[in-house]
């Protein structure tokens, strides 16, 4: 069974968890996140239009947004829809 997060939608969006280390992407949506999670991510700079770079995938996802680095668990990374740049 293929999980939905591993399938790009018609617009080419994938979850942040599907990026390769070193890849950059533009955040397109946080719609899958619960309102509380969405608010927390946005307060940290993870919001539609922001460019993120995936620095590390294991043991946790480390992303860079500007000069800020954030650690995310896999479940949270899967909620963030991005478009590769």
Protein backbone atom coordinates (compact mmCIF):
# COMPACT_ATOMS: atom_id res chain seq x y z
CA UNK A 1 0.00 0.00 0.00
CA UNK A 2 1.40 3.43 -0.94
CA UNK A 3 1.02 6.12 1.70
CA UNK A 4 -0.49 9.38 0.47
CA UNK A 5 2.53 11.38 1.64
CA UNK A 6 4.75 9.53 -0.83
CA UNK A 7 2.70 10.47 -3.86
CA UNK A 8 3.09 13.85 -5.53
CA UNK A 9 -0.23 15.51 -6.25
CA UNK A 10 -1.13 17.09 -9.59
CA UNK A 11 0.75 20.30 -8.77
CA UNK A 12 3.99 18.44 -7.96
CA UNK A 13 3.72 18.96 -4.21
CA UNK A 14 5.21 16.36 -1.88
CA UNK A 15 5.58 16.19 1.87
CA UNK A 16 8.73 17.62 3.40
CA UNK A 17 9.53 14.07 4.57
CA UNK A 18 10.00 13.01 0.93
CA UNK A 19 12.80 15.47 0.15
CA UNK A 20 16.39 14.31 -0.10
CA UNK A 21 18.99 15.73 2.24
CA UNK A 22 20.31 19.01 0.82
CA UNK A 23 17.17 19.71 -1.23
CA UNK A 24 15.41 23.07 -1.10
CA UNK A 25 11.68 23.56 -1.44
CA UNK A 26 8.97 26.15 -1.06
CA UNK A 27 6.32 25.51 1.58
CA UNK A 28 2.95 25.30 -0.15
CA UNK A 29 0.54 24.12 2.55
CA UNK A 30 0.14 23.19 6.18
CA UNK A 31 -3.51 22.22 5.69
CA UNK A 32 -3.04 18.68 7.03
CA UNK A 33 -1.77 20.01 10.37
CA UNK A 34 -4.12 20.54 13.29
CA UNK A 35 -4.72 24.24 14.09
CA UNK A 36 -2.41 24.14 17.12
CA UNK A 37 0.44 22.50 15.15
CA UNK A 38 -0.12 24.87 12.22
CA UNK A 39 0.11 27.89 14.54
CA UNK A 40 3.31 26.61 16.14
CA UNK A 41 4.96 25.91 12.77
CA UNK A 42 3.97 29.32 11.44
CA UNK A 43 5.35 31.07 14.53
CA UNK A 44 8.67 29.35 13.78
CA UNK A 45 8.66 30.57 10.17
CA UNK A 46 7.29 27.45 8.47
CA UNK A 47 4.51 29.01 6.43
CA UNK A 48 3.31 29.00 2.82
CA UNK A 49 5.82 30.80 0.63
CA UNK A 50 8.83 30.15 2.89
CA UNK A 51 11.85 28.41 1.37
CA UNK A 52 13.25 25.55 3.42
CA UNK A 53 16.32 23.37 3.04
CA UNK A 54 16.39 19.83 4.41
CA UNK A 55 19.71 19.45 6.23
CA UNK A 56 19.19 16.04 7.86
CA UNK A 57 16.64 13.19 7.82
CA UNK A 58 17.78 10.94 10.64
CA UNK A 59 17.32 10.67 13.60
CA UNK A 60 15.08 13.72 13.17
CA UNK A 61 14.39 16.05 10.28
CA UNK A 62 16.47 19.21 10.50
CA UNK A 63 15.37 22.08 8.26
CA UNK A 64 16.82 25.52 7.69
CA UNK A 65 14.66 28.57 7.10
CA UNK A 66 16.91 31.56 6.61
CA UNK A 67 19.32 31.52 9.58
CA UNK A 68 17.01 29.37 11.70
CA UNK A 69 17.32 25.59 12.04
CA UNK A 70 14.44 23.47 13.33
CA UNK A 71 14.19 19.82 14.34
CA UNK A 72 10.97 18.04 13.34
CA UNK A 73 9.71 14.52 13.91
CA UNK A 74 8.65 12.47 10.88
CA UNK A 75 4.94 12.93 11.59
CA UNK A 76 5.28 16.71 11.52
CA UNK A 77 7.47 16.65 8.40
CA UNK A 78 4.78 14.63 6.63
CA UNK A 79 2.19 17.36 7.32
CA UNK A 80 4.17 20.04 5.47
CA UNK A 81 3.49 20.10 1.73
CA UNK A 82 6.30 21.57 -0.38
CA UNK A 83 7.24 22.17 -3.99
CA UNK A 84 10.83 21.36 -4.92
CA UNK A 85 12.90 24.31 -6.20
